[in-house]
Amino acid sequence: MTGRQPRLWAEPYRRVVAPGAVHLPGWLDLEQQRELVAAFEDWCAGPVPIRAAVLPGGHRMSVRMVCLGWHWQPYRYTRTADDVNGARVLDVPEWLVAHGRAAVEAAHGAGAGDDYRPDTVLANLYEGDARLGMHQDKDELADDPVVSLSVGDRCRFRFGNVEGRGRPWTDIELESGDAFVFGGPARFTYHGVPKVHAGTAPTGCGLAHGRINLTMRVTGLTHQPG
């Protein structure tokens, strides 16, 4: 994806799941998916290796993660991965910023992505029985949209409400290449991944098994807190 611009989205529909929350099926073509997988493998090689974060209560997440721009650890951002090896994380590449802007534009209308500049990316790897419980993305100081990209196995993505982890919610099947954008009134909606369907990755996506998910966010930070 180095230097390659995101393609114009030409799928037959966009699905509005809730006000501000839009599913874009087939956002990445197979070549773009392969390039994203190759980039993910490079990121995992360092300077900060992929790891499973440990929550404050001592529970280790089943999803493994590598971060760009800012390093996320429950529940704060730092420039250096102090819970791993103390190294500074890689910057967010411009080609990925371009994909984020294009996705926001497709989801929320012309001009919506003009000022969108995600400064952190959480790149998650789901393998085996990895799941992600219902949670809010609320460690940011900004309320710009979150852009999610999926590659590999299909998953059940559960998109809930802003009040709590319980119902009502909507279950969406996210396929390899799909994008999901949530902002505005949906920005702080609880969401999670209760199931990944093993063995459903399409041939040619670059990932033999498991699922990669990238979430792009705007932290609103200009310097490391504290």
Protein backbone atom coordinates (compact mmCIF):
# COMPACT_ATOMS: atom_id res chain seq x y z
CA MET A 1 0.00 0.00 0.00
CA THR A 2 2.99 2.29 -0.09
CA GLY A 3 2.04 5.22 -2.30
CA ARG A 4 -1.15 3.56 -3.51
CA GLN A 5 -4.31 5.60 -3.19
CA PRO A 6 -7.52 4.06 -1.86
CA ARG A 7 -9.84 3.09 -4.66
CA LEU A 8 -13.18 4.77 -5.17
CA TRP A 9 -15.79 2.71 -3.40
CA ALA A 10 -18.14 1.19 -5.94
CA GLU A 11 -20.08 -1.39 -3.95
CA PRO A 12 -23.87 -1.46 -4.51
CA TYR A 13 -24.81 -0.26 -1.05
CA ARG A 14 -23.74 1.14 2.29
CA ARG A 15 -25.53 -0.10 5.37
CA VAL A 16 -26.47 2.44 8.03
CA VAL A 17 -26.55 0.42 11.26
CA ALA A 18 -27.36 3.39 13.50
CA PRO A 19 -27.09 7.18 13.16
CA GLY A 20 -23.37 7.76 12.62
CA ALA A 21 -22.54 4.05 12.23
CA VAL A 22 -22.04 2.76 8.68
CA HIS A 23 -20.96 -0.64 7.33
CA LEU A 24 -19.04 -0.51 4.01
CA PRO A 25 -18.86 -4.06 2.58
CA GLY A 26 -15.91 -4.88 0.33
CA TRP A 27 -14.01 -1.67 1.05
CA LEU A 28 -10.63 -3.28 0.40
CA ASP A 29 -10.06 -5.42 -2.67
CA LEU A 30 -7.94 -8.58 -2.44
CA GLU A 31 -4.72 -6.85 -3.47
CA GLN A 32 -5.20 -4.19 -0.82
CA GLN A 33 -5.96 -6.88 1.76
CA ARG A 34 -2.72 -8.69 0.94
CA GLU A 35 -0.77 -5.45 1.23
CA LEU A 36 -2.35 -4.71 4.59
CA VAL A 37 -1.43 -8.19 5.87
CA ALA A 38 2.17 -7.68 4.71
CA ALA A 39 2.29 -4.30 6.47
CA PHE A 40 0.85 -5.86 9.64
CA GLU A 41 3.59 -8.50 9.62
CA ASP A 42 6.21 -5.76 9.35
CA TRP A 43 4.68 -3.85 12.27
CA CYS A 44 4.69 -7.00 14.41
CA ALA A 45 8.43 -7.36 13.86
CA GLY A 46 9.08 -4.24 15.90
CA PRO A 47 10.38 -2.02 17.31
CA VAL A 48 7.46 -2.98 19.58
CA PRO A 49 6.40 -6.60 19.04
CA ILE A 50 2.81 -7.78 19.05
CA ARG A 51 1.49 -8.59 22.52
CA ALA A 52 -1.65 -9.38 24.51
CA ALA A 53 -2.42 -6.49 26.86
CA VAL A 54 -3.07 -7.17 30.55
CA LEU A 55 -6.10 -5.46 32.08
CA PRO A 56 -5.85 -3.79 35.51
CA GLY A 57 -7.44 -6.80 37.22
CA GLY A 58 -4.76 -9.10 35.86
CA HIS A 59 -6.76 -10.65 33.00
CA ARG A 60 -4.77 -11.03 29.78
CA MET A 61 -6.72 -10.20 26.63
CA SER A 62 -7.16 -13.05 24.15
CA VAL A 63 -6.65 -10.63 21.25
CA ARG A 64 -3.04 -9.71 20.48
CA MET A 65 -2.25 -6.17 19.38
CA VAL A 66 0.40 -3.93 17.88
CA CYS A 67 -0.04 -0.14 17.91
CA LEU A 68 1.00 2.72 15.64
CA GLY A 69 1.31 6.41 16.49
CA TRP A 70 0.40 6.02 20.14
CA HIS A 71 0.73 2.85 22.22
CA TRP A 72 -2.48 1.79 23.93
CA GLN A 73 -2.40 0.04 27.27
CA PRO A 74 -5.40 -0.22 29.53
CA TYR A 75 -6.57 2.49 29.70
CA ARG A 76 -4.22 5.17 28.41
CA TYR A 77 -1.99 6.16 25.52
CA THR A 78 1.77 6.62 25.63
CA ARG A 79 4.39 7.24 22.97
CA THR A 80 6.52 4.38 24.27
CA ALA A 81 5.44 0.81 24.98
CA ASP A 82 6.23 0.88 28.67
CA ASP A 83 4.38 -2.41 29.30
CA VAL A 84 6.41 -4.23 26.62
CA ASN A 85 9.97 -3.06 26.00
CA GLY A 86 9.95 0.74 26.40
CA ALA A 87 10.48 1.36 22.67
CA ARG A 88 8.66 4.08 20.74
CA VAL A 89 5.94 2.81 18.44
CA LEU A 90 6.01 3.32 14.68
CA ASP A 91 4.22 6.29 13.12
CA VAL A 92 0.89 5.90 11.34
CA PRO A 93 1.72 5.64 7.61
CA GLU A 94 0.18 8.19 5.28
CA TRP A 95 -1.38 5.53 3.06
CA LEU A 96 -3.38 4.30 6.04
CA VAL A 97 -4.48 7.85 6.91
CA ALA A 98 -5.70 8.15 3.31
CA HIS A 99 -7.80 5.01 3.67
CA GLY A 100 -9.30 6.38 6.88
CA ARG A 101 -10.26 9.66 5.23
CA ALA A 102 -11.78 7.89 2.25
CA ALA A 103 -13.82 5.58 4.51
CA VAL A 104 -15.18 8.51 6.55
CA GLU A 105 -16.08 10.27 3.31
CA ALA A 106 -17.95 7.20 1.99
CA ALA A 107 -19.75 6.69 5.29
CA HIS A 108 -20.66 10.24 6.24
CA GLY A 109 -20.78 12.16 2.98
CA ALA A 110 -18.75 14.51 0.82
CA GLY A 111 -16.25 16.57 2.79
CA ALA A 112 -16.65 14.56 5.99
CA GLY A 113 -13.15 13.14 5.72
CA ASP A 114 -11.34 16.36 4.79
CA ASP A 115 -10.03 17.03 8.30
CA TYR A 116 -9.86 13.43 9.46
CA ARG A 117 -6.35 12.51 10.53
CA PRO A 118 -6.09 9.42 12.75
CA ASP A 119 -2.96 9.56 14.88
CA THR A 120 -3.18 6.08 16.38
CA VAL A 121 -4.00 2.64 15.00
CA LEU A 122 -4.72 -0.44 17.10
CA ALA A 123 -4.01 -3.47 14.92
CA ASN A 124 -5.58 -6.58 16.48
CA LEU A 125 -4.96 -10.24 15.67
CA TYR A 126 -7.69 -12.77 16.44
CA GLU A 127 -6.47 -16.36 16.53
CA GLY A 128 -7.98 -19.51 18.02
CA ASP A 129 -10.76 -18.59 20.45
CA ALA A 130 -9.84 -14.90 20.69
CA ARG A 131 -12.79 -12.63 21.37
CA LEU A 132 -13.37 -9.03 22.41
CA GLY A 133 -15.93 -8.16 25.06
CA MET A 134 -18.34 -5.24 24.87
CA HIS A 135 -16.50 -1.97 25.49
CA GLN A 136 -16.38 1.70 24.54
CA ASP A 137 -13.50 3.40 22.75
CA LYS A 138 -13.30 6.26 25.24
CA ASP A 139 -9.63 6.73 26.09
CA GLU A 140 -9.34 9.48 23.49
CA LEU A 141 -9.75 13.20 24.14
CA ALA A 142 -11.36 13.71 20.72
CA ASP A 143 -14.66 12.43 19.36
CA ASP A 144 -13.67 12.01 15.70
CA PRO A 145 -14.98 8.85 14.02
CA VAL A 146 -13.39 5.44 14.48
CA VAL A 147 -12.58 3.57 11.25
CA SER A 148 -12.33 -0.22 11.38
CA LEU A 149 -10.85 -2.44 8.63
CA SER A 150 -11.13 -6.24 8.60
CA VAL A 151 -9.03 -8.86 6.83
CA GLY A 152 -9.19 -12.65 7.13
CA ASP A 153 -11.87 -14.75 8.81
CA ARG A 154 -15.42 -13.47 8.99
CA CYS A 155 -16.55 -12.32 12.45
CA ARG A 156 -19.71 -11.46 14.31
CA PHE A 157 -19.42 -7.81 15.25
CA ARG A 158 -21.83 -6.71 17.95
CA PHE A 159 -22.78 -3.03 17.90
CA GLY A 160 -24.77 -2.01 20.95
CA ASN A 161 -25.81 1.27 22.56
CA VAL A 162 -24.18 4.14 24.45
CA GLU A 163 -25.80 3.33 27.80
CA GLY A 164 -24.20 -0.02 28.68
CA ARG A 165 -23.02 -3.45 27.58
CA GLY A 166 -26.46 -5.04 27.38
CA ARG A 167 -29.19 -4.98 24.78
CA PRO A 168 -30.29 -3.55 22.47
CA TRP A 169 -27.57 -4.44 20.01
CA THR A 170 -27.18 -5.31 16.33
CA ASP A 171 -25.03 -8.22 15.14
CA ILE A 172 -23.21 -7.65 11.85
CA GLU A 173 -21.17 -10.20 9.91
CA LEU A 174 -17.93 -8.45 8.93
CA GLU A 175 -16.19 -10.07 5.97
CA SER A 176 -12.61 -9.77 4.84
CA GLY A 177 -12.19 -6.36 3.20
CA ASP A 178 -15.09 -4.70 5.00
CA ALA A 179 -14.88 -1.30 6.67
CA PHE A 180 -17.01 -0.03 9.53
CA VAL A 181 -17.16 3.64 10.54
CA PHE A 182 -18.77 4.98 13.69
CA GLY A 183 -18.86 8.61 14.76
CA GLY A 184 -21.26 11.35 15.77
CA PRO A 185 -24.01 9.98 18.04
CA ALA A 186 -22.58 6.46 17.63
CA ARG A 187 -19.00 7.35 18.56
CA PHE A 188 -19.13 5.98 22.12
CA THR A 189 -21.36 2.98 21.43
CA TYR A 190 -20.44 -0.26 23.21
CA HIS A 191 -19.23 -2.87 20.75
CA GLY A 192 -17.39 -6.18 20.68
CA VAL A 193 -16.55 -9.36 18.78
CA PRO A 194 -18.23 -12.41 20.34
CA LYS A 195 -17.30 -14.86 17.59
CA VAL A 196 -14.83 -15.36 14.76
CA HIS A 197 -15.75 -17.94 12.13
CA ALA A 198 -12.58 -19.97 11.64
CA GLY A 199 -11.64 -21.02 8.14
CA THR A 200 -13.71 -18.38 6.33
CA ALA A 201 -10.88 -16.14 5.08
CA PRO A 202 -11.12 -15.78 1.29
CA THR A 203 -8.40 -17.25 -0.87
CA GLY A 204 -5.96 -14.53 -1.87
CA CYS A 205 -6.46 -12.18 1.07
CA GLY A 206 -2.95 -12.92 2.38
CA LEU A 207 -4.02 -14.44 5.70
CA ALA A 208 -4.26 -18.22 5.93
CA HIS A 209 -6.13 -18.24 9.23
CA GLY A 210 -7.34 -15.81 11.88
CA ARG A 211 -8.50 -12.24 11.55
CA ILE A 212 -6.75 -8.88 11.49
CA ASN A 213 -8.69 -5.79 12.49
CA LEU A 214 -7.36 -2.24 12.34
CA THR A 215 -9.08 0.55 14.24
CA MET A 216 -8.02 4.08 13.41
CA ARG A 217 -8.65 6.76 16.01
CA VAL A 218 -7.90 10.41 16.73
CA THR A 219 -6.52 10.68 20.28
CA GLY A 220 -6.69 14.45 20.66
CA LEU A 221 -3.28 14.26 22.38
CA THR A 222 -0.37 16.50 21.50
CA HIS A 223 2.04 15.17 24.10
CA GLN A 224 2.27 12.25 26.46
CA PRO A 225 0.13 12.82 29.56
CA GLY A 226 1.62 12.95 33.03
